[in-house]
Amino acid sequence: MQRWEIEAAINTARTWALETFTAMSPEELSRPATHSGADHSRMWTARDHFLHLAGPEGAVIEAIRRQLAGEEFPYPQFIGPDGPVPREQFVASLNAWNDAWLDEHAGYTVDDIVALGQRQRAVTLQLLSETTDQQLAQPLRNMPWSAFVATLGELFALNARHAHGHHQQVLDGWAALQQAGLPAGN
């Protein structure tokens, strides 16, 4: 992807996420939607999914920054002695990390979530502006996201797909709960 395509995609996705999640009523935001990937007894709400978008973006940007600086991957729980851990182990560790991150930010209001997302996106755009085309084409080095994307540019762009995926999880979760006869969102 070219730099302008990455920037356009992540800006469009951010606008869409803001419009979509902030249009939900307080009841919809707080209604259970999906089971945690780490603890099936824990339910994520639409608000949790919205909040979650900022956490991994910061982690991804830190990993990109470290690779560009020639440093090692900053999240050792995702790296084994032979490189990135198998996808199943990565997903299990990531799900546990996600729950812990949500717990740390549990008191955030929607306004807090918006502001946190703005700060994370500003860091993303700043780093993107400082990254050369050659660096964007670099293959991922010792990063577990290589299960999803191949280059640093594609990893930047992964942030653009994240919000749509989580919104769909909320809608699918509500539909499944409603089909099971439990309270669900619209």
N, C-alpha and C. Protein backbone atom coordinates (compact mmCIF):
# COMPACT_ATOMS: atom_id res chain seq x y z
N MET A 1 0.84 -1.19 0.00
CA MET A 1 0.00 0.00 0.00
C MET A 1 0.88 1.24 0.00
N GLN A 2 0.40 2.26 -0.65
CA GLN A 2 1.10 3.53 -0.63
C GLN A 2 0.73 4.31 0.64
N ARG A 3 1.62 5.22 1.03
CA ARG A 3 1.42 5.99 2.25
C ARG A 3 0.04 6.68 2.28
N TRP A 4 -0.34 7.31 1.19
CA TRP A 4 -1.61 8.03 1.18
C TRP A 4 -2.79 7.07 1.35
N GLU A 5 -2.66 5.85 0.82
CA GLU A 5 -3.72 4.87 0.97
C GLU A 5 -3.85 4.42 2.43
N ILE A 6 -2.70 4.25 3.08
CA ILE A 6 -2.72 3.87 4.50
C ILE A 6 -3.36 4.99 5.32
N GLU A 7 -2.92 6.22 5.09
CA GLU A 7 -3.47 7.34 5.85
C GLU A 7 -4.96 7.50 5.61
N ALA A 8 -5.38 7.42 4.35
CA ALA A 8 -6.81 7.55 4.05
C ALA A 8 -7.61 6.44 4.72
N ALA A 9 -7.10 5.22 4.68
CA ALA A 9 -7.83 4.09 5.27
C ALA A 9 -7.96 4.24 6.77
N ILE A 10 -6.88 4.61 7.47
CA ILE A 10 -7.00 4.71 8.92
C ILE A 10 -7.80 5.92 9.36
N ASN A 11 -7.77 7.00 8.58
CA ASN A 11 -8.60 8.15 8.92
C ASN A 11 -10.08 7.86 8.68
N THR A 12 -10.38 7.22 7.56
CA THR A 12 -11.77 6.86 7.26
C THR A 12 -12.31 5.91 8.32
N ALA A 13 -11.51 4.94 8.70
CA ALA A 13 -11.94 3.97 9.71
C ALA A 13 -12.16 4.64 11.06
N ARG A 14 -11.31 5.57 11.43
CA ARG A 14 -11.46 6.28 12.71
C ARG A 14 -12.76 7.08 12.72
N THR A 15 -13.02 7.78 11.63
CA THR A 15 -14.27 8.55 11.54
C THR A 15 -15.47 7.62 11.64
N TRP A 16 -15.42 6.51 10.93
CA TRP A 16 -16.52 5.55 10.97
C TRP A 16 -16.73 5.02 12.39
N ALA A 17 -15.64 4.67 13.07
CA ALA A 17 -15.75 4.14 14.43
C ALA A 17 -16.34 5.18 15.37
N LEU A 18 -15.90 6.41 15.26
CA LEU A 18 -16.45 7.47 16.11
C LEU A 18 -17.95 7.62 15.87
N GLU A 19 -18.33 7.72 14.61
CA GLU A 19 -19.74 7.90 14.28
C GLU A 19 -20.58 6.71 14.72
N THR A 20 -20.06 5.52 14.55
CA THR A 20 -20.82 4.30 14.85
C THR A 20 -20.97 4.06 16.34
N PHE A 21 -19.87 4.08 17.08
CA PHE A 21 -19.93 3.76 18.50
C PHE A 21 -20.54 4.89 19.32
N THR A 22 -20.28 6.15 18.96
CA THR A 22 -20.87 7.25 19.74
C THR A 22 -22.35 7.44 19.44
N ALA A 23 -22.84 6.86 18.36
CA ALA A 23 -24.27 6.93 18.06
C ALA A 23 -25.07 5.94 18.89
N MET A 24 -24.40 5.00 19.54
CA MET A 24 -25.11 4.02 20.37
C MET A 24 -25.60 4.68 21.66
N SER A 25 -26.74 4.22 22.11
CA SER A 25 -27.29 4.72 23.37
C SER A 25 -26.45 4.20 24.53
N PRO A 26 -26.56 4.82 25.70
CA PRO A 26 -25.85 4.29 26.87
C PRO A 26 -26.22 2.83 27.17
N GLU A 27 -27.49 2.47 26.92
CA GLU A 27 -27.91 1.10 27.15
C GLU A 27 -27.23 0.14 26.17
N GLU A 28 -27.14 0.53 24.91
CA GLU A 28 -26.46 -0.33 23.93
C GLU A 28 -24.98 -0.47 24.26
N LEU A 29 -24.34 0.63 24.64
CA LEU A 29 -22.92 0.59 24.95
C LEU A 29 -22.62 -0.33 26.13
N SER A 30 -23.55 -0.42 27.07
CA SER A 30 -23.29 -1.22 28.28
C SER A 30 -23.87 -2.63 28.21
N ARG A 31 -24.57 -2.96 27.14
CA ARG A 31 -25.18 -4.28 27.00
C ARG A 31 -24.13 -5.32 26.63
N PRO A 32 -24.14 -6.48 27.30
CA PRO A 32 -23.20 -7.54 26.92
C PRO A 32 -23.35 -7.91 25.45
N ALA A 33 -22.21 -8.19 24.82
CA ALA A 33 -22.24 -8.52 23.40
C ALA A 33 -21.48 -9.80 23.07
N THR A 34 -20.27 -9.94 23.59
CA THR A 34 -19.44 -11.10 23.23
C THR A 34 -18.73 -11.63 24.46
N HIS A 35 -18.40 -12.91 24.41
CA HIS A 35 -17.59 -13.50 25.47
C HIS A 35 -16.13 -13.11 25.24
N SER A 36 -15.42 -12.89 26.33
CA SER A 36 -13.98 -12.66 26.26
C SER A 36 -13.33 -13.89 25.64
N GLY A 37 -12.29 -13.65 24.86
CA GLY A 37 -11.55 -14.77 24.30
C GLY A 37 -10.69 -15.48 25.33
N ALA A 38 -10.41 -14.81 26.45
CA ALA A 38 -9.56 -15.40 27.49
C ALA A 38 -10.37 -16.06 28.60
N ASP A 39 -11.51 -15.46 28.93
CA ASP A 39 -12.33 -15.93 30.04
C ASP A 39 -13.78 -15.96 29.56
N HIS A 40 -14.24 -17.13 29.19
CA HIS A 40 -15.56 -17.26 28.57
C HIS A 40 -16.70 -16.78 29.48
N SER A 41 -16.47 -16.71 30.78
CA SER A 41 -17.51 -16.23 31.69
C SER A 41 -17.62 -14.71 31.69
N ARG A 42 -16.63 -14.06 31.11
CA ARG A 42 -16.61 -12.59 31.05
C ARG A 42 -17.25 -12.13 29.74
N MET A 43 -18.12 -11.14 29.84
CA MET A 43 -18.76 -10.58 28.64
C MET A 43 -18.20 -9.20 28.33
N TRP A 44 -17.89 -8.97 27.06
CA TRP A 44 -17.50 -7.65 26.60
C TRP A 44 -18.74 -6.93 26.11
N THR A 45 -18.83 -5.65 26.42
CA THR A 45 -19.91 -4.80 25.94
C THR A 45 -19.44 -4.07 24.67
N ALA A 46 -20.37 -3.37 24.03
CA ALA A 46 -19.98 -2.54 22.88
C ALA A 46 -18.97 -1.49 23.32
N ARG A 47 -19.13 -0.94 24.52
CA ARG A 47 -18.19 0.04 25.05
C ARG A 47 -16.80 -0.58 25.19
N ASP A 48 -16.73 -1.82 25.66
CA ASP A 48 -15.45 -2.52 25.78
C ASP A 48 -14.78 -2.66 24.41
N HIS A 49 -15.57 -3.01 23.40
CA HIS A 49 -15.02 -3.15 22.05
C HIS A 49 -14.50 -1.81 21.55
N PHE A 50 -15.23 -0.72 21.81
CA PHE A 50 -14.81 0.61 21.39
C PHE A 50 -13.51 1.00 22.12
N LEU A 51 -13.47 0.78 23.43
CA LEU A 51 -12.28 1.08 24.22
C LEU A 51 -11.09 0.25 23.75
N HIS A 52 -11.34 -1.01 23.47
CA HIS A 52 -10.28 -1.92 23.06
C HIS A 52 -9.52 -1.43 21.83
N LEU A 53 -10.16 -0.69 20.95
CA LEU A 53 -9.50 -0.26 19.71
C LEU A 53 -8.22 0.52 19.98
N ALA A 54 -8.18 1.28 21.07
CA ALA A 54 -7.01 2.11 21.35
C ALA A 54 -5.83 1.31 21.89
N GLY A 55 -6.08 0.25 22.63
CA GLY A 55 -4.99 -0.51 23.24
C GLY A 55 -4.09 -1.18 22.23
N PRO A 56 -4.62 -2.02 21.37
CA PRO A 56 -3.76 -2.67 20.39
C PRO A 56 -3.11 -1.69 19.42
N GLU A 57 -3.78 -0.58 19.11
CA GLU A 57 -3.14 0.38 18.21
C GLU A 57 -1.84 0.89 18.83
N GLY A 58 -1.87 1.19 20.11
CA GLY A 58 -0.66 1.65 20.78
C GLY A 58 0.42 0.57 20.78
N ALA A 59 0.01 -0.69 20.99
CA ALA A 59 0.97 -1.79 21.00
C ALA A 59 1.58 -2.00 19.62
N VAL A 60 0.77 -1.91 18.59
CA VAL A 60 1.25 -2.07 17.21
C VAL A 60 2.25 -0.97 16.87
N ILE A 61 1.91 0.26 17.23
CA ILE A 61 2.79 1.38 16.91
C ILE A 61 4.11 1.27 17.67
N GLU A 62 4.06 0.83 18.91
CA GLU A 62 5.30 0.62 19.67
C GLU A 62 6.16 -0.45 19.00
N ALA A 63 5.55 -1.51 18.52
CA ALA A 63 6.29 -2.57 17.85
C ALA A 63 6.91 -2.05 16.54
N ILE A 64 6.16 -1.26 15.78
CA ILE A 64 6.70 -0.68 14.54
C ILE A 64 7.87 0.24 14.88
N ARG A 65 7.69 1.09 15.87
CA ARG A 65 8.75 2.02 16.28
C ARG A 65 10.02 1.25 16.66
N ARG A 66 9.85 0.17 17.41
CA ARG A 66 11.01 -0.62 17.83
C ARG A 66 11.70 -1.27 16.62
N GLN A 67 10.92 -1.80 15.69
CA GLN A 67 11.56 -2.40 14.51
C GLN A 67 12.32 -1.35 13.73
N LEU A 68 11.74 -0.17 13.54
CA LEU A 68 12.42 0.88 12.79
C LEU A 68 13.71 1.32 13.48
N ALA A 69 13.74 1.23 14.80
CA ALA A 69 14.94 1.61 15.55
C ALA A 69 15.94 0.46 15.65
N GLY A 70 15.60 -0.70 15.08
CA GLY A 70 16.50 -1.85 15.14
C GLY A 70 16.46 -2.58 16.46
N GLU A 71 15.43 -2.32 17.26
CA GLU A 71 15.32 -2.96 18.57
C GLU A 71 14.50 -4.24 18.46
N GLU A 72 14.49 -4.97 19.54
CA GLU A 72 13.73 -6.21 19.61
C GLU A 72 12.24 -5.92 19.82
N PHE A 73 11.44 -6.89 19.50
CA PHE A 73 9.99 -6.81 19.69
C PHE A 73 9.69 -6.61 21.18
N PRO A 74 8.84 -5.64 21.53
CA PRO A 74 8.66 -5.26 22.93
C PRO A 74 7.73 -6.14 23.76
N TYR A 75 7.15 -7.16 23.19
CA TYR A 75 6.17 -7.95 23.93
C TYR A 75 6.63 -9.41 23.97
N PRO A 76 7.49 -9.76 24.95
CA PRO A 76 8.11 -11.09 24.95
C PRO A 76 7.12 -12.24 25.06
N GLN A 77 5.93 -12.02 25.60
CA GLN A 77 4.98 -13.12 25.73
C GLN A 77 4.51 -13.63 24.37
N PHE A 78 4.77 -12.87 23.30
CA PHE A 78 4.34 -13.28 21.97
C PHE A 78 5.48 -13.87 21.14
N ILE A 79 6.67 -13.97 21.74
CA ILE A 79 7.83 -14.45 21.00
C ILE A 79 8.43 -15.66 21.72
N GLY A 80 8.65 -16.71 20.98
CA GLY A 80 9.29 -17.90 21.54
C GLY A 80 10.76 -17.94 21.13
N PRO A 81 11.46 -18.99 21.48
CA PRO A 81 12.89 -19.07 21.15
C PRO A 81 13.17 -19.12 19.65
N ASP A 82 12.18 -19.54 18.86
CA ASP A 82 12.36 -19.62 17.41
C ASP A 82 11.59 -18.56 16.65
N GLY A 83 11.19 -17.48 17.32
CA GLY A 83 10.44 -16.41 16.66
C GLY A 83 9.04 -16.34 17.21
N PRO A 84 8.12 -15.72 16.44
CA PRO A 84 6.75 -15.59 16.92
C PRO A 84 6.15 -16.93 17.32
N VAL A 85 5.38 -16.92 18.41
CA VAL A 85 4.74 -18.14 18.88
C VAL A 85 3.68 -18.58 17.87
N PRO A 86 3.24 -19.84 17.91
CA PRO A 86 2.17 -20.29 17.00
C PRO A 86 0.93 -19.41 17.17
N ARG A 87 0.17 -19.31 16.10
CA ARG A 87 -1.00 -18.42 16.08
C ARG A 87 -1.94 -18.67 17.26
N GLU A 88 -2.20 -19.93 17.61
CA GLU A 88 -3.12 -20.23 18.70
C GLU A 88 -2.59 -19.68 20.03
N GLN A 89 -1.30 -19.84 20.26
CA GLN A 89 -0.69 -19.32 21.48
C GLN A 89 -0.69 -17.80 21.47
N PHE A 90 -0.42 -17.20 20.31
CA PHE A 90 -0.46 -15.75 20.18
C PHE A 90 -1.85 -15.23 20.52
N VAL A 91 -2.87 -15.85 19.94
CA VAL A 91 -4.25 -15.38 20.17
C VAL A 91 -4.62 -15.54 21.65
N ALA A 92 -4.25 -16.64 22.28
CA ALA A 92 -4.55 -16.84 23.70
C ALA A 92 -3.86 -15.78 24.56
N SER A 93 -2.59 -15.51 24.29
CA SER A 93 -1.87 -14.48 25.04
C SER A 93 -2.45 -13.11 24.78
N LEU A 94 -2.80 -12.85 23.52
CA LEU A 94 -3.38 -11.56 23.16
C LEU A 94 -4.72 -11.35 23.85
N ASN A 95 -5.55 -12.40 23.89
CA ASN A 95 -6.85 -12.27 24.56
C ASN A 95 -6.68 -11.96 26.04
N ALA A 96 -5.73 -12.58 26.70
CA ALA A 96 -5.47 -12.29 28.11
C ALA A 96 -4.96 -10.86 28.28
N TRP A 97 -4.07 -10.44 27.39
CA TRP A 97 -3.56 -9.06 27.42
C TRP A 97 -4.71 -8.06 27.22
N ASN A 98 -5.61 -8.37 26.28
CA ASN A 98 -6.75 -7.48 26.01
C ASN A 98 -7.62 -7.31 27.26
N ASP A 99 -7.93 -8.40 27.94
CA ASP A 99 -8.75 -8.31 29.15
C ASP A 99 -8.04 -7.48 30.22
N ALA A 100 -6.76 -7.70 30.40
CA ALA A 100 -6.01 -6.94 31.41
C ALA A 100 -5.99 -5.46 31.05
N TRP A 101 -5.83 -5.15 29.75
CA TRP A 101 -5.82 -3.76 29.31
C TRP A 101 -7.19 -3.11 29.57
N LEU A 102 -8.27 -3.82 29.27
CA LEU A 102 -9.60 -3.29 29.55
C LEU A 102 -9.79 -3.04 31.04
N ASP A 103 -9.32 -3.96 31.87
CA ASP A 103 -9.44 -3.79 33.31
C ASP A 103 -8.72 -2.52 33.78
N GLU A 104 -7.55 -2.25 33.20
CA GLU A 104 -6.80 -1.04 33.57
C GLU A 104 -7.53 0.24 33.19
N HIS A 105 -8.40 0.18 32.20
CA HIS A 105 -9.09 1.36 31.68
C HIS A 105 -10.61 1.29 31.92
N ALA A 106 -11.01 0.51 32.90
CA ALA A 106 -12.42 0.21 33.13
C ALA A 106 -13.29 1.44 33.43
N GLY A 107 -12.75 2.45 34.04
CA GLY A 107 -13.54 3.61 34.41
C GLY A 107 -13.70 4.66 33.32
N TYR A 108 -13.21 4.39 32.13
CA TYR A 108 -13.25 5.39 31.08
C TYR A 108 -14.68 5.64 30.59
N THR A 109 -15.02 6.91 30.45
CA THR A 109 -16.29 7.30 29.85
C THR A 109 -16.13 7.27 28.33
N VAL A 110 -17.23 7.46 27.62
CA VAL A 110 -17.15 7.53 26.15
C VAL A 110 -16.23 8.69 25.75
N ASP A 111 -16.34 9.82 26.41
CA ASP A 111 -15.45 10.95 26.09
C ASP A 111 -13.99 10.58 26.34
N ASP A 112 -13.72 9.85 27.41
CA ASP A 112 -12.35 9.40 27.68
C ASP A 112 -11.86 8.46 26.58
N ILE A 113 -12.74 7.58 26.14
CA ILE A 113 -12.38 6.63 25.09
C ILE A 113 -12.06 7.38 23.79
N VAL A 114 -12.88 8.37 23.46
CA VAL A 114 -12.64 9.16 22.25
C VAL A 114 -11.29 9.86 22.35
N ALA A 115 -11.02 10.48 23.49
CA ALA A 115 -9.75 11.20 23.67
C ALA A 115 -8.55 10.25 23.60
N LEU A 116 -8.67 9.09 24.23
CA LEU A 116 -7.59 8.11 24.18
C LEU A 116 -7.35 7.66 22.74
N GLY A 117 -8.41 7.41 22.02
CA GLY A 117 -8.28 7.02 20.61
C GLY A 117 -7.65 8.12 19.78
N GLN A 118 -8.00 9.39 20.07
CA GLN A 118 -7.39 10.51 19.36
C GLN A 118 -5.88 10.55 19.61
N ARG A 119 -5.49 10.36 20.86
CA ARG A 119 -4.06 10.38 21.18
C ARG A 119 -3.32 9.24 20.48
N GLN A 120 -3.91 8.05 20.50
CA GLN A 120 -3.27 6.92 19.83
C GLN A 120 -3.18 7.16 18.33
N ARG A 121 -4.25 7.66 17.72
CA ARG A 121 -4.24 7.88 16.28
C ARG A 121 -3.24 8.98 15.90
N ALA A 122 -3.10 9.99 16.75
CA ALA A 122 -2.11 11.04 16.49
C ALA A 122 -0.70 10.45 16.46
N VAL A 123 -0.41 9.54 17.38
CA VAL A 123 0.89 8.88 17.41
C VAL A 123 1.07 8.04 16.15
N THR A 124 0.02 7.33 15.75
CA THR A 124 0.08 6.52 14.53
C THR A 124 0.39 7.38 13.32
N LEU A 125 -0.33 8.48 13.17
CA LEU A 125 -0.13 9.35 12.01
C LEU A 125 1.24 10.01 12.03
N GLN A 126 1.72 10.38 13.22
CA GLN A 126 3.05 10.97 13.32
C GLN A 126 4.11 9.97 12.87
N LEU A 127 4.02 8.74 13.38
CA LEU A 127 5.00 7.73 12.99
C LEU A 127 4.89 7.42 11.50
N LEU A 128 3.69 7.34 10.98
CA LEU A 128 3.51 7.10 9.55
C LEU A 128 4.19 8.20 8.73
N SER A 129 4.07 9.45 9.17
CA SER A 129 4.67 10.57 8.44
C SER A 129 6.20 10.52 8.47
N GLU A 130 6.76 9.86 9.47
CA GLU A 130 8.22 9.78 9.62
C GLU A 130 8.81 8.53 8.99
N THR A 131 7.96 7.65 8.48
CA THR A 131 8.40 6.37 7.93
C THR A 131 8.56 6.50 6.42
N THR A 132 9.70 6.04 5.91
CA THR A 132 9.94 6.12 4.47
C THR A 132 9.18 5.02 3.73
N ASP A 133 9.06 5.20 2.41
CA ASP A 133 8.41 4.17 1.60
C ASP A 133 9.15 2.84 1.69
N GLN A 134 10.49 2.90 1.76
CA GLN A 134 11.28 1.68 1.89
C GLN A 134 10.98 0.99 3.23
N GLN A 135 10.83 1.77 4.28
CA GLN A 135 10.51 1.19 5.59
C GLN A 135 9.11 0.58 5.59
N LEU A 136 8.16 1.24 4.93
CA LEU A 136 6.80 0.70 4.86
C LEU A 136 6.79 -0.66 4.15
N ALA A 137 7.72 -0.87 3.25
CA ALA A 137 7.79 -2.13 2.51
C ALA A 137 8.58 -3.21 3.25
N GLN A 138 9.20 -2.87 4.39
CA GLN A 138 9.98 -3.85 5.15
C GLN A 138 9.09 -4.99 5.62
N PRO A 139 9.60 -6.21 5.51
CA PRO A 139 8.85 -7.33 6.11
C PRO A 139 8.87 -7.22 7.63
N LEU A 140 7.84 -7.73 8.27
CA LEU A 140 7.81 -7.75 9.73
C LEU A 140 8.96 -8.62 10.21
N ARG A 141 9.61 -8.16 11.26
CA ARG A 141 10.74 -8.90 11.82
C ARG A 141 10.36 -9.38 13.21
N ASN A 142 10.22 -10.68 13.34
CA ASN A 142 10.01 -11.28 14.65
C ASN A 142 8.77 -10.72 15.35
N MET A 143 7.69 -10.55 14.59
CA MET A 143 6.44 -10.04 15.15
C MET A 143 5.31 -11.03 14.92
N PRO A 144 4.46 -11.22 15.92
CA PRO A 144 3.37 -12.19 15.76
C PRO A 144 2.30 -11.75 14.75
N TRP A 145 2.24 -10.47 14.42
CA TRP A 145 1.24 -10.03 13.45
C TRP A 145 1.53 -10.56 12.06
N SER A 146 2.68 -11.20 11.88
CA SER A 146 2.99 -11.78 10.58
C SER A 146 1.98 -12.86 10.20
N ALA A 147 1.18 -13.31 11.17
CA ALA A 147 0.09 -14.24 10.86
C ALA A 147 -1.02 -13.54 10.07
N PHE A 148 -1.04 -12.19 10.11
CA PHE A 148 -2.11 -11.42 9.47
C PHE A 148 -1.61 -10.55 8.31
N VAL A 149 -0.41 -10.00 8.44
CA VAL A 149 0.13 -9.08 7.44
C VAL A 149 1.63 -9.35 7.27
N ALA A 150 2.20 -8.85 6.16
CA ALA A 150 3.59 -9.16 5.84
C ALA A 150 4.56 -7.99 6.02
N THR A 151 4.10 -6.75 5.85
CA THR A 151 5.01 -5.60 5.87
C THR A 151 4.59 -4.59 6.94
N LEU A 152 5.52 -3.67 7.23
CA LEU A 152 5.18 -2.61 8.19
C LEU A 152 4.02 -1.76 7.68
N GLY A 153 3.98 -1.47 6.39
CA GLY A 153 2.87 -0.70 5.83
C GLY A 153 1.54 -1.40 6.04
N GLU A 154 1.51 -2.71 5.82
CA GLU A 154 0.29 -3.47 6.04
C GLU A 154 -0.08 -3.49 7.52
N LEU A 155 0.93 -3.47 8.39
CA LEU A 155 0.64 -3.44 9.82
C LEU A 155 0.03 -2.11 10.23
N PHE A 156 0.53 -1.01 9.67
CA PHE A 156 -0.12 0.29 9.89
C PHE A 156 -1.59 0.21 9.47
N ALA A 157 -1.83 -0.35 8.29
CA ALA A 157 -3.19 -0.40 7.73
C ALA A 157 -4.10 -1.34 8.50
N LEU A 158 -3.53 -2.29 9.23
CA LEU A 158 -4.35 -3.21 10.03
C LEU A 158 -5.26 -2.42 10.99
N ASN A 159 -4.78 -1.28 11.46
CA ASN A 159 -5.60 -0.44 12.34
C ASN A 159 -6.90 0.00 11.67
N ALA A 160 -6.90 0.10 10.34
CA ALA A 160 -8.10 0.52 9.63
C ALA A 160 -9.19 -0.56 9.66
N ARG A 161 -8.81 -1.80 9.68
CA ARG A 161 -9.80 -2.89 9.66
C ARG A 161 -10.29 -3.27 11.06
N HIS A 162 -9.59 -2.84 12.07
CA HIS A 162 -9.86 -3.27 13.43
C HIS A 162 -11.26 -2.85 13.90
N ALA A 163 -11.65 -1.62 13.69
CA ALA A 163 -12.94 -1.13 14.19
C ALA A 163 -14.11 -1.86 13.54
N HIS A 164 -14.05 -2.05 12.23
CA HIS A 164 -15.15 -2.75 11.56
C HIS A 164 -15.30 -4.16 12.09
N GLY A 165 -14.18 -4.83 12.32
CA GLY A 165 -14.24 -6.18 12.85
C GLY A 165 -14.89 -6.24 14.22
N HIS A 166 -14.55 -5.28 15.08
CA HIS A 166 -15.14 -5.30 16.42
C HIS A 166 -16.61 -4.90 16.41
N HIS A 167 -16.99 -3.98 15.54
CA HIS A 167 -18.41 -3.64 15.44
C HIS A 167 -19.21 -4.85 14.98
N GLN A 168 -18.67 -5.59 14.02
CA GLN A 168 -19.37 -6.80 13.55
C GLN A 168 -19.47 -7.83 14.66
N GLN A 169 -18.42 -7.96 15.48
CA GLN A 169 -18.49 -8.88 16.62
C GLN A 169 -19.61 -8.49 17.57
N VAL A 170 -19.78 -7.18 17.80
CA VAL A 170 -20.87 -6.70 18.67
C VAL A 170 -22.21 -7.09 18.07
N LEU A 171 -22.40 -6.80 16.79
CA LEU A 171 -23.69 -7.12 16.14
C LEU A 171 -23.96 -8.62 16.15
N ASP A 172 -22.95 -9.40 15.83
CA ASP A 172 -23.12 -10.86 15.83
C ASP A 172 -23.39 -11.37 17.25
N GLY A 173 -22.71 -10.79 18.23
CA GLY A 173 -22.92 -11.20 19.62
C GLY A 173 -24.33 -10.89 20.09
N TRP A 174 -24.80 -9.69 19.76
CA TRP A 174 -26.17 -9.35 20.13
C TRP A 174 -27.17 -10.28 19.47
N ALA A 175 -26.95 -10.59 18.20
CA ALA A 175 -27.86 -11.49 17.47
C ALA A 175 -27.86 -12.87 18.12
N ALA A 176 -26.70 -13.37 18.48
CA ALA A 176 -26.61 -14.69 19.12
C ALA A 176 -27.30 -14.70 20.47
N LEU A 177 -27.12 -13.64 21.24
CA LEU A 177 -27.78 -13.54 22.55
C LEU A 177 -29.30 -13.48 22.38
N GLN A 178 -29.74 -12.71 21.41
CA GLN A 178 -31.17 -12.59 21.16
C GLN A 178 -31.75 -13.93 20.72
N GLN A 179 -31.02 -14.64 19.86
CA GLN A 179 -31.48 -15.95 19.41
C GLN A 179 -31.55 -16.94 20.57
N ALA A 180 -30.68 -16.76 21.55
CA ALA A 180 -30.69 -17.63 22.73
C ALA A 180 -31.72 -17.20 23.76
N GLY A 181 -32.45 -16.12 23.45
CA GLY A 181 -33.49 -15.64 24.34
C GLY A 181 -32.98 -14.76 25.46
N LEU A 182 -31.77 -14.23 25.32
CA LEU A 182 -31.19 -13.34 26.32
C LEU A 182 -31.29 -11.90 25.84
N PRO A 183 -31.22 -10.92 26.75
CA PRO A 183 -31.28 -9.51 26.31
C PRO A 183 -30.17 -9.22 25.33
N ALA A 184 -30.52 -8.54 24.24
CA ALA A 184 -29.53 -8.22 23.20
C ALA A 184 -29.77 -6.83 22.66
N GLY A 185 -28.76 -6.30 22.01
CA GLY A 185 -28.84 -4.95 21.41
C GLY A 185 -29.55 -4.97 20.09
N ASN A 186 -29.64 -3.80 19.51
CA ASN A 186 -30.31 -3.64 18.22
C ASN A 186 -29.32 -3.65 17.09
